[in-house]
């Protein structure tokens, strides 16, 4: 009889332990599902951020190309300006020489 009671107590104890284990298992599964959901949200956020970064990189490359084009145009304009100044200086020198020559010639007449 005592063995039977002990066995029944043992069965009850094992039943309680089994219920506790099942509760812990469900708790852990819930926490795992929540963690997986947070990971998915973070992955989505990361993906959006990476897309934004890629867009910014493309914009940066486009702006750099614009800067390069503007620098090339600036150099071409500076070269043209230098050439124009040289031509202007040459014309001015010719005018000065002509006026000087005319001045000299007027003293002989």
N, C-alpha and C. Protein backbone atom coordinates (compact mmCIF):
# COMPACT_ATOMS: atom_id res chain seq x y z
N UNK A 1 0.83 -1.18 0.00
CA UNK A 1 0.00 0.00 0.00
C UNK A 1 0.87 1.25 0.00
N UNK A 2 1.92 1.24 0.86
CA UNK A 2 2.81 2.40 0.92
C UNK A 2 3.54 2.59 -0.41
N UNK A 3 3.95 1.48 -0.99
CA UNK A 3 4.62 1.58 -2.30
C UNK A 3 3.68 2.19 -3.33
N UNK A 4 2.42 1.80 -3.25
CA UNK A 4 1.43 2.33 -4.17
C UNK A 4 1.26 3.83 -3.97
N UNK A 5 1.20 4.28 -2.70
CA UNK A 5 1.07 5.71 -2.38
C UNK A 5 2.30 6.47 -2.88
N UNK A 6 3.48 5.88 -2.62
CA UNK A 6 4.72 6.51 -3.08
C UNK A 6 4.73 6.65 -4.60
N UNK A 7 4.29 5.61 -5.28
CA UNK A 7 4.23 5.66 -6.73
C UNK A 7 3.25 6.72 -7.20
N UNK A 8 2.09 6.81 -6.53
CA UNK A 8 1.11 7.84 -6.89
C UNK A 8 1.69 9.23 -6.65
N UNK A 9 2.36 9.40 -5.49
CA UNK A 9 3.00 10.70 -5.20
C UNK A 9 4.06 11.02 -6.26
N UNK A 10 4.81 10.01 -6.62
CA UNK A 10 5.86 10.20 -7.65
C UNK A 10 5.24 10.58 -8.98
N UNK A 11 4.12 9.94 -9.33
CA UNK A 11 3.42 10.24 -10.59
C UNK A 11 2.89 11.67 -10.55
N UNK A 12 2.30 12.08 -9.40
CA UNK A 12 1.80 13.44 -9.25
C UNK A 12 2.94 14.45 -9.38
N UNK A 13 4.06 14.13 -8.70
CA UNK A 13 5.23 15.01 -8.75
C UNK A 13 5.73 15.14 -10.19
N UNK A 14 5.80 14.02 -10.88
CA UNK A 14 6.26 14.05 -12.27
C UNK A 14 5.28 14.83 -13.14
N UNK A 15 3.99 14.72 -12.85
CA UNK A 15 2.97 15.46 -13.58
C UNK A 15 3.15 16.96 -13.39
N UNK A 16 3.40 17.38 -12.12
CA UNK A 16 3.64 18.80 -11.83
C UNK A 16 4.90 19.29 -12.54
N UNK A 17 5.95 18.50 -12.47
CA UNK A 17 7.20 18.86 -13.13
C UNK A 17 7.00 18.97 -14.64
N UNK A 18 6.19 18.05 -15.18
CA UNK A 18 5.92 18.07 -16.61
C UNK A 18 5.17 19.34 -16.98
N UNK A 19 4.18 19.74 -16.14
CA UNK A 19 3.43 20.98 -16.40
C UNK A 19 4.36 22.19 -16.32
N UNK A 20 5.22 22.20 -15.30
CA UNK A 20 6.19 23.30 -15.15
C UNK A 20 7.11 23.37 -16.37
N UNK A 21 7.56 22.23 -16.81
CA UNK A 21 8.45 22.16 -17.98
C UNK A 21 7.72 22.67 -19.22
N UNK A 22 6.46 22.28 -19.38
CA UNK A 22 5.66 22.74 -20.52
C UNK A 22 5.49 24.26 -20.46
N UNK A 23 5.23 24.80 -19.27
CA UNK A 23 5.08 26.26 -19.12
C UNK A 23 6.39 26.97 -19.49
N UNK A 24 7.50 26.44 -18.98
CA UNK A 24 8.80 27.03 -19.31
C UNK A 24 9.07 26.95 -20.81
N UNK A 25 8.70 25.82 -21.40
CA UNK A 25 8.90 25.64 -22.84
C UNK A 25 8.10 26.69 -23.62
N UNK A 26 6.82 26.87 -23.23
CA UNK A 26 5.98 27.87 -23.91
C UNK A 26 6.54 29.28 -23.72
N UNK A 27 7.03 29.55 -22.51
CA UNK A 27 7.63 30.86 -22.22
C UNK A 27 8.84 31.10 -23.12
N UNK A 28 9.67 30.10 -23.23
CA UNK A 28 10.88 30.20 -24.07
C UNK A 28 10.49 30.35 -25.54
N UNK A 29 9.49 29.58 -25.97
CA UNK A 29 9.04 29.69 -27.36
C UNK A 29 8.49 31.08 -27.66
N UNK A 30 7.76 31.65 -26.70
CA UNK A 30 7.23 33.01 -26.86
C UNK A 30 8.38 34.02 -26.96
N UNK A 31 9.33 33.89 -26.07
CA UNK A 31 10.49 34.80 -26.11
C UNK A 31 11.26 34.65 -27.43
N UNK A 32 11.39 33.42 -27.90
CA UNK A 32 12.08 33.17 -29.15
C UNK A 32 11.33 33.82 -30.32
N UNK A 33 10.01 33.68 -30.33
CA UNK A 33 9.20 34.28 -31.40
C UNK A 33 9.34 35.80 -31.38
N UNK A 34 9.33 36.37 -30.16
CA UNK A 34 9.50 37.82 -30.04
C UNK A 34 10.87 38.25 -30.53
N UNK A 35 11.89 37.49 -30.18
CA UNK A 35 13.25 37.81 -30.62
C UNK A 35 13.36 37.71 -32.14
N UNK A 36 12.75 36.67 -32.72
CA UNK A 36 12.77 36.51 -34.17
C UNK A 36 12.07 37.69 -34.85
N UNK A 37 10.96 38.16 -34.28
CA UNK A 37 10.23 39.31 -34.82
C UNK A 37 11.11 40.56 -34.77
N UNK A 38 11.81 40.76 -33.65
CA UNK A 38 12.72 41.91 -33.53
C UNK A 38 13.85 41.83 -34.54
N UNK A 39 14.36 40.63 -34.77
CA UNK A 39 15.43 40.44 -35.77
C UNK A 39 14.91 40.81 -37.15
N UNK A 40 13.69 40.37 -37.49
CA UNK A 40 13.11 40.70 -38.79
C UNK A 40 12.94 42.22 -38.94
N UNK A 41 12.46 42.87 -37.89
CA UNK A 41 12.30 44.33 -37.93
C UNK A 41 13.64 45.03 -38.12
N UNK A 42 14.65 44.56 -37.42
CA UNK A 42 15.99 45.15 -37.55
C UNK A 42 16.56 44.91 -38.95
N UNK A 43 16.30 43.73 -39.50
CA UNK A 43 16.76 43.44 -40.87
C UNK A 43 16.08 44.36 -41.88
N UNK A 44 14.77 44.61 -41.68
CA UNK A 44 14.06 45.53 -42.57
C UNK A 44 14.64 46.94 -42.45
N UNK A 45 14.90 47.35 -41.20
CA UNK A 45 15.48 48.68 -40.97
C UNK A 45 16.85 48.78 -41.63
N UNK A 46 17.63 47.73 -41.47
CA UNK A 46 18.96 47.69 -42.07
C UNK A 46 18.88 47.77 -43.59
N UNK A 47 17.93 47.06 -44.16
CA UNK A 47 17.75 47.06 -45.61
C UNK A 47 17.37 48.46 -46.10
N UNK A 48 16.43 49.11 -45.38
CA UNK A 48 16.04 50.48 -45.76
C UNK A 48 17.22 51.43 -45.65
N UNK A 49 17.97 51.31 -44.57
CA UNK A 49 19.13 52.18 -44.36
C UNK A 49 20.17 51.95 -45.45
N UNK A 50 20.38 50.69 -45.83
CA UNK A 50 21.33 50.38 -46.90
C UNK A 50 20.87 50.98 -48.22
N UNK A 51 19.56 50.91 -48.49
CA UNK A 51 19.02 51.51 -49.72
C UNK A 51 19.24 53.02 -49.71
N UNK A 52 18.98 53.65 -48.56
CA UNK A 52 19.21 55.10 -48.45
C UNK A 52 20.68 55.42 -48.68
N UNK A 53 21.54 54.60 -48.10
CA UNK A 53 22.98 54.81 -48.26
C UNK A 53 23.39 54.65 -49.73
N UNK A 54 22.83 53.65 -50.41
CA UNK A 54 23.12 53.46 -51.83
C UNK A 54 22.65 54.66 -52.65
N UNK A 55 21.44 55.18 -52.32
CA UNK A 55 20.93 56.36 -53.01
C UNK A 55 21.86 57.55 -52.80
N UNK A 56 22.29 57.73 -51.56
CA UNK A 56 23.20 58.84 -51.24
C UNK A 56 24.53 58.69 -51.99
N UNK A 57 25.00 57.45 -52.10
CA UNK A 57 26.25 57.19 -52.82
C UNK A 57 26.09 57.56 -54.29
N UNK A 58 24.94 57.19 -54.89
CA UNK A 58 24.69 57.55 -56.29
C UNK A 58 24.62 59.06 -56.45
N UNK A 59 23.94 59.73 -55.51
CA UNK A 59 23.85 61.19 -55.58
C UNK A 59 25.23 61.83 -55.45
N UNK A 60 26.04 61.27 -54.54
CA UNK A 60 27.39 61.79 -54.35
C UNK A 60 28.20 61.64 -55.64
N UNK A 61 28.10 60.47 -56.28
CA UNK A 61 28.82 60.24 -57.53
C UNK A 61 28.34 61.20 -58.61
N UNK A 62 27.02 61.44 -58.65
CA UNK A 62 26.46 62.37 -59.63
C UNK A 62 26.98 63.78 -59.37
N UNK A 63 26.98 64.19 -58.12
CA UNK A 63 27.48 65.54 -57.77
C UNK A 63 28.97 65.65 -58.10
N UNK A 64 29.72 64.57 -57.85
CA UNK A 64 31.16 64.60 -58.15
C UNK A 64 31.37 64.76 -59.65
N UNK A 65 30.54 64.09 -60.44
CA UNK A 65 30.63 64.23 -61.91
C UNK A 65 30.31 65.67 -62.31
N UNK A 66 29.31 66.28 -61.66
CA UNK A 66 28.97 67.67 -61.94
C UNK A 66 30.13 68.59 -61.58
N UNK A 67 30.76 68.34 -60.43
CA UNK A 67 31.92 69.14 -60.01
C UNK A 67 33.04 69.00 -61.03
N UNK A 68 33.30 67.79 -61.47
CA UNK A 68 34.36 67.57 -62.46
C UNK A 68 34.08 68.33 -63.75
N UNK A 69 32.81 68.29 -64.20
CA UNK A 69 32.41 69.02 -65.41
C UNK A 69 32.62 70.51 -65.21
N UNK A 70 32.20 71.01 -64.06
CA UNK A 70 32.35 72.45 -63.78
C UNK A 70 33.83 72.85 -63.71
N UNK A 71 34.65 71.99 -63.12
CA UNK A 71 36.09 72.30 -63.05
C UNK A 71 36.70 72.34 -64.45
N UNK A 72 36.29 71.41 -65.30
CA UNK A 72 36.78 71.40 -66.68
C UNK A 72 36.35 72.67 -67.40
N UNK A 73 35.08 73.05 -67.25
CA UNK A 73 34.58 74.29 -67.86
C UNK A 73 35.34 75.49 -67.35
N UNK A 74 35.61 75.51 -66.06
CA UNK A 74 36.35 76.63 -65.46
C UNK A 74 37.75 76.73 -66.08
N UNK A 75 38.42 75.60 -66.20
CA UNK A 75 39.76 75.61 -66.80
C UNK A 75 39.72 76.10 -68.25
N UNK A 76 38.70 75.64 -68.99
CA UNK A 76 38.56 76.09 -70.39
C UNK A 76 38.31 77.59 -70.44
N UNK A 77 37.45 78.10 -69.56
CA UNK A 77 37.16 79.54 -69.53
C UNK A 77 38.39 80.35 -69.12
N UNK A 78 39.13 79.83 -68.14
CA UNK A 78 40.36 80.52 -67.72
C UNK A 78 41.36 80.59 -68.86
N UNK A 79 41.47 79.50 -69.62
CA UNK A 79 42.37 79.45 -70.77
C UNK A 79 41.93 80.47 -71.82
N UNK A 80 40.63 80.49 -72.08
CA UNK A 80 40.09 81.44 -73.05
C UNK A 80 40.30 82.88 -72.59
N UNK A 81 40.10 83.11 -71.30
CA UNK A 81 40.30 84.44 -70.73
C UNK A 81 41.76 84.88 -70.87
N UNK A 82 42.67 83.97 -70.61
CA UNK A 82 44.10 84.26 -70.74
C UNK A 82 44.44 84.63 -72.18
N UNK A 83 43.90 83.84 -73.12
CA UNK A 83 44.14 84.10 -74.55
C UNK A 83 43.58 85.48 -74.94
N UNK A 84 42.36 85.77 -74.47
CA UNK A 84 41.73 87.06 -74.76
C UNK A 84 42.55 88.22 -74.19
N UNK A 85 43.04 88.05 -72.96
CA UNK A 85 43.87 89.10 -72.34
C UNK A 85 45.15 89.31 -73.15
N UNK A 86 45.74 88.21 -73.61
CA UNK A 86 46.96 88.30 -74.43
C UNK A 86 46.66 89.06 -75.72
N UNK A 87 45.54 88.73 -76.36
CA UNK A 87 45.14 89.44 -77.58
C UNK A 87 44.91 90.92 -77.30
N UNK A 88 44.25 91.21 -76.18
CA UNK A 88 43.97 92.60 -75.79
C UNK A 88 45.26 93.35 -75.53
N UNK A 89 46.20 92.71 -74.82
CA UNK A 89 47.50 93.34 -74.56
C UNK A 89 48.23 93.63 -75.88
N UNK A 90 48.16 92.69 -76.81
CA UNK A 90 48.80 92.86 -78.11
C UNK A 90 48.20 94.04 -78.85
N UNK A 91 46.86 94.14 -78.86
CA UNK A 91 46.18 95.27 -79.51
C UNK A 91 46.59 96.58 -78.85
N UNK A 92 46.65 96.56 -77.53
CA UNK A 92 47.01 97.77 -76.79
C UNK A 92 48.45 98.20 -77.13
N UNK A 93 49.34 97.22 -77.18
CA UNK A 93 50.73 97.53 -77.54
C UNK A 93 50.82 98.12 -78.94
N UNK A 94 50.05 97.58 -79.88
CA UNK A 94 50.03 98.10 -81.25
C UNK A 94 49.50 99.54 -81.28
N UNK A 95 48.45 99.79 -80.47
CA UNK A 95 47.90 101.15 -80.41
C UNK A 95 48.93 102.13 -79.88
N UNK A 96 49.60 101.71 -78.81
CA UNK A 96 50.63 102.58 -78.21
C UNK A 96 51.73 102.84 -79.24
N UNK A 97 52.15 101.79 -79.92
CA UNK A 97 53.21 101.96 -80.94
C UNK A 97 52.73 102.88 -82.06
N UNK A 98 51.48 102.70 -82.51
CA UNK A 98 50.93 103.53 -83.58
C UNK A 98 50.87 105.00 -83.15
N UNK A 99 50.36 105.22 -81.91
CA UNK A 99 50.27 106.60 -81.42
C UNK A 99 51.65 107.22 -81.29
N UNK A 100 52.57 106.40 -80.80
CA UNK A 100 53.94 106.88 -80.66
C UNK A 100 54.52 107.23 -82.03
N UNK A 101 54.28 106.35 -82.99
CA UNK A 101 54.77 106.57 -84.36
C UNK A 101 54.13 107.83 -84.95
N UNK A 102 52.81 107.95 -84.73
CA UNK A 102 52.10 109.14 -85.24
C UNK A 102 52.64 110.39 -84.58
N UNK A 103 52.94 110.31 -83.29
CA UNK A 103 53.49 111.47 -82.57
C UNK A 103 54.83 111.86 -83.12
N UNK A 104 55.65 110.85 -83.40
CA UNK A 104 57.00 111.10 -83.93
C UNK A 104 56.86 111.69 -85.33
N UNK A 105 55.97 111.11 -86.14
CA UNK A 105 55.79 111.60 -87.50
C UNK A 105 55.26 113.03 -87.54
N UNK A 106 54.42 113.41 -86.55
CA UNK A 106 53.87 114.75 -86.54
C UNK A 106 54.93 115.79 -86.21
N UNK A 107 55.99 115.38 -85.53
CA UNK A 107 57.08 116.33 -85.23
C UNK A 107 57.90 116.62 -86.47
N UNK A 108 57.88 115.72 -87.46
CA UNK A 108 58.64 115.95 -88.69
C UNK A 108 57.88 116.79 -89.70
N UNK A 109 56.57 116.98 -89.50
CA UNK A 109 55.84 117.72 -90.51
C UNK A 109 55.68 119.18 -90.19
